[in-house]
Amino acid sequence: MTKADKAWPPGSIDRLVERFERPLLAYAQRMLGGDWAGAQDAVQETFLRLCREDYRKVESHVAAWLFSVCRSRVIDMQRTKRATPVDASQITLPDPTPDASVVASEDEDKVQLDQLVHQLSPRQQEVLRLRLHAGLSYREIAEVTGLTVSNVGFHLHQAVRNLRDSLAVG
């Protein structure tokens, strides 16, 4: 088997970067407590590893593979250097034509939801991010985290229930 047999088809890496770069960056940045530069490093390393990987080994589960490699890279980064947490509620992207009252209300809602999400267990936070921000299926989340599919469902259900109960009380 030659090196060419393992190479990715022309343009496929570009399409994968276009599809997964933003979700991977968001996932890594949240795992790193808002460290944007660290997230960029982790995602870059993830795609470099993808380029070196035999495409036939990962093409059937590329989303889970990418998030799993990115997760491992972030964990390695956290072990070697503690990231400085950034309060996600302080990061806002301005709307070109915002209505002040709508913006204030949305900001309050975001702050409240961020606070409630941070009260979830780390495992619940992770599966929630992978499901909502990255759009991964239960099976893909299971591959990334090492949990069973049913355990992923359990943690997601618990997270949503905890958030719903907290919102009902607040």
Protein backbone atom coordinates (compact mmCIF):
# COMPACT_ATOMS: atom_id res chain seq x y z
CA MET A 1 0.00 0.00 0.00
CA THR A 2 1.46 3.33 -1.04
CA LYS A 3 1.32 6.68 0.70
CA ALA A 4 -0.96 7.89 -2.10
CA ASP A 5 -3.50 5.17 -1.19
CA LYS A 6 -3.84 6.71 2.28
CA ALA A 7 -4.04 10.34 1.07
CA TRP A 8 -7.23 12.33 1.38
CA PRO A 9 -9.10 12.97 -1.89
CA PRO A 10 -8.45 16.42 -3.39
CA GLY A 11 -10.51 19.15 -1.71
CA SER A 12 -11.86 16.92 1.06
CA ILE A 13 -9.70 18.47 3.80
CA ASP A 14 -10.80 21.96 2.70
CA ARG A 15 -14.45 20.92 2.95
CA LEU A 16 -13.88 19.40 6.39
CA VAL A 17 -12.14 22.54 7.62
CA GLU A 18 -14.99 24.66 6.29
CA ARG A 19 -17.60 22.43 7.97
CA PHE A 20 -15.91 21.77 11.33
CA GLU A 21 -13.50 24.62 12.08
CA ARG A 22 -16.03 26.91 13.78
CA PRO A 23 -17.71 24.22 15.89
CA LEU A 24 -14.31 22.86 16.93
CA LEU A 25 -13.08 26.35 17.84
CA ALA A 26 -16.20 27.00 19.93
CA TYR A 27 -15.84 23.62 21.65
CA ALA A 28 -12.14 24.06 22.38
CA GLN A 29 -12.58 27.66 23.52
CA ARG A 30 -15.27 26.67 26.03
CA MET A 31 -13.15 23.80 27.30
CA LEU A 32 -10.25 26.24 27.72
CA GLY A 33 -12.33 28.76 29.65
CA GLY A 34 -12.41 31.30 26.82
CA ASP A 35 -8.76 31.04 25.70
CA TRP A 36 -9.17 31.88 22.01
CA ALA A 37 -5.49 31.50 21.11
CA GLY A 38 -5.35 28.13 22.84
CA ALA A 39 -8.49 27.01 21.01
CA GLN A 40 -6.94 28.01 17.68
CA ASP A 41 -3.81 26.00 18.52
CA ALA A 42 -5.85 22.94 19.48
CA VAL A 43 -7.98 23.07 16.32
CA GLN A 44 -4.94 23.63 14.10
CA GLU A 45 -3.24 20.61 15.63
CA THR A 46 -6.45 18.61 15.15
CA PHE A 47 -6.54 19.35 11.42
CA LEU A 48 -2.81 18.67 11.06
CA ARG A 49 -3.35 15.25 12.61
CA LEU A 50 -6.28 14.69 10.25
CA CYS A 51 -4.02 15.41 7.26
CA ARG A 52 -1.57 12.76 8.46
CA GLU A 53 -4.31 10.18 9.16
CA ASP A 54 -5.28 7.48 6.66
CA TYR A 55 -8.62 8.76 5.37
CA ARG A 56 -10.08 5.26 5.12
CA LYS A 57 -9.74 4.85 8.89
CA VAL A 58 -11.73 7.97 9.78
CA GLU A 59 -13.96 8.89 6.85
CA SER A 60 -16.98 7.03 8.27
CA HIS A 61 -16.80 8.85 11.62
CA VAL A 62 -14.88 12.01 10.84
CA ALA A 63 -16.95 14.34 13.09
CA ALA A 64 -16.45 12.19 16.16
CA TRP A 65 -12.77 11.70 15.26
CA LEU A 66 -12.19 15.46 14.96
CA PHE A 67 -13.89 16.28 18.26
CA SER A 68 -12.15 13.41 20.02
CA VAL A 69 -8.70 14.53 18.82
CA CYS A 70 -9.50 18.16 19.66
CA ARG A 71 -10.70 17.14 23.13
CA SER A 72 -7.52 15.16 23.74
CA ARG A 73 -5.38 18.09 22.59
CA VAL A 74 -7.21 20.50 24.90
CA ILE A 75 -6.85 18.13 27.84
CA ASP A 76 -3.12 17.85 27.10
CA MET A 77 -2.88 21.65 26.97
CA GLN A 78 -4.71 21.96 30.29
CA ARG A 79 -2.34 19.50 31.91
CA THR A 80 0.72 21.45 30.85
CA LYS A 81 -0.62 24.95 31.35
CA ARG A 82 -3.61 26.20 33.25
CA ALA A 83 -5.74 28.44 31.04
CA THR A 84 -6.96 31.72 32.48
CA PRO A 85 -10.76 31.57 32.65
CA VAL A 86 -12.74 34.28 30.93
CA ASP A 87 -16.26 35.12 32.01
CA ALA A 88 -18.28 34.19 28.92
CA SER A 89 -21.02 36.61 29.95
CA GLN A 90 -18.58 39.49 29.39
CA ILE A 91 -17.99 38.56 25.73
CA THR A 92 -20.56 40.10 23.44
CA LEU A 93 -20.73 40.48 19.70
CA PRO A 94 -22.51 43.70 18.76
CA ASP A 95 -25.57 43.56 16.52
CA PRO A 96 -25.33 46.21 13.77
CA THR A 97 -28.83 47.51 14.57
CA PRO A 98 -29.67 46.47 18.13
CA ASP A 99 -32.63 47.74 20.08
CA ALA A 100 -31.26 48.67 23.52
CA SER A 101 -34.09 47.03 25.48
CA VAL A 102 -33.84 43.81 23.46
CA VAL A 103 -30.07 43.72 23.89
CA ALA A 104 -30.36 44.28 27.64
CA SER A 105 -32.95 41.53 27.97
CA GLU A 106 -30.95 39.10 25.82
CA ASP A 107 -27.78 39.85 27.78
CA GLU A 108 -29.57 39.15 31.06
CA ASP A 109 -30.91 35.89 29.65
CA LYS A 110 -27.46 34.85 28.42
CA VAL A 111 -25.85 35.67 31.74
CA GLN A 112 -28.51 33.71 33.61
CA LEU A 113 -28.21 30.72 31.26
CA ASP A 114 -24.39 30.78 31.43
CA GLN A 115 -24.58 30.79 35.24
CA LEU A 116 -27.02 27.88 35.21
CA VAL A 117 -24.90 25.90 32.74
CA HIS A 118 -21.83 26.43 34.94
CA GLN A 119 -23.78 24.87 37.82
CA LEU A 120 -24.14 21.62 35.86
CA SER A 121 -21.61 18.86 36.38
CA PRO A 122 -18.56 19.02 34.09
CA ARG A 123 -19.78 15.91 32.24
CA GLN A 124 -23.23 17.45 31.67
CA GLN A 125 -21.62 20.66 30.43
CA GLU A 126 -19.44 18.74 27.98
CA VAL A 127 -22.19 16.60 26.46
CA LEU A 128 -24.46 19.65 26.24
CA ARG A 129 -21.76 21.62 24.36
CA LEU A 130 -21.08 18.73 22.00
CA ARG A 131 -24.78 18.32 21.26
CA LEU A 132 -25.87 21.97 21.01
CA HIS A 133 -22.76 23.82 19.85
CA ALA A 134 -21.08 21.12 17.79
CA GLY A 135 -24.24 19.39 16.57
CA LEU A 136 -22.89 15.90 17.22
CA SER A 137 -25.17 12.88 17.46
CA TYR A 138 -25.39 10.81 20.64
CA ARG A 139 -23.19 8.17 18.99
CA GLU A 140 -20.58 10.76 18.03
CA ILE A 141 -20.62 12.24 21.53
CA ALA A 142 -20.13 8.74 22.93
CA GLU A 143 -17.09 8.26 20.68
CA VAL A 144 -15.62 11.62 21.75
CA THR A 145 -16.16 11.21 25.49
CA GLY A 146 -15.80 7.45 25.90
CA LEU A 147 -19.30 7.16 27.37
CA THR A 148 -21.96 4.77 26.16
CA VAL A 149 -24.72 6.16 23.95
CA SER A 150 -27.29 5.57 26.68
CA ASN A 151 -25.06 7.34 29.22
CA VAL A 152 -24.79 10.33 26.84
CA GLY A 153 -28.58 10.42 26.68
CA PHE A 154 -28.81 10.23 30.45
CA HIS A 155 -26.37 13.13 30.96
CA LEU A 156 -28.13 15.26 28.33
CA HIS A 157 -31.51 14.54 29.87
CA GLN A 158 -30.21 15.42 33.34
CA ALA A 159 -28.63 18.64 32.05
CA VAL A 160 -31.82 19.78 30.34
CA ARG A 161 -33.93 18.83 33.33
CA ASN A 162 -31.60 20.67 35.72
CA LEU A 163 -31.66 23.78 33.50
CA ARG A 164 -35.45 23.64 33.18
CA ASP A 165 -35.91 23.21 36.93
CA SER A 166 -33.50 26.06 37.65
CA LEU A 167 -35.30 28.38 35.21
CA ALA A 168 -38.67 27.50 36.74
CA VAL A 169 -37.39 28.38 40.22
CA GLY A 170 -35.63 31.60 39.10
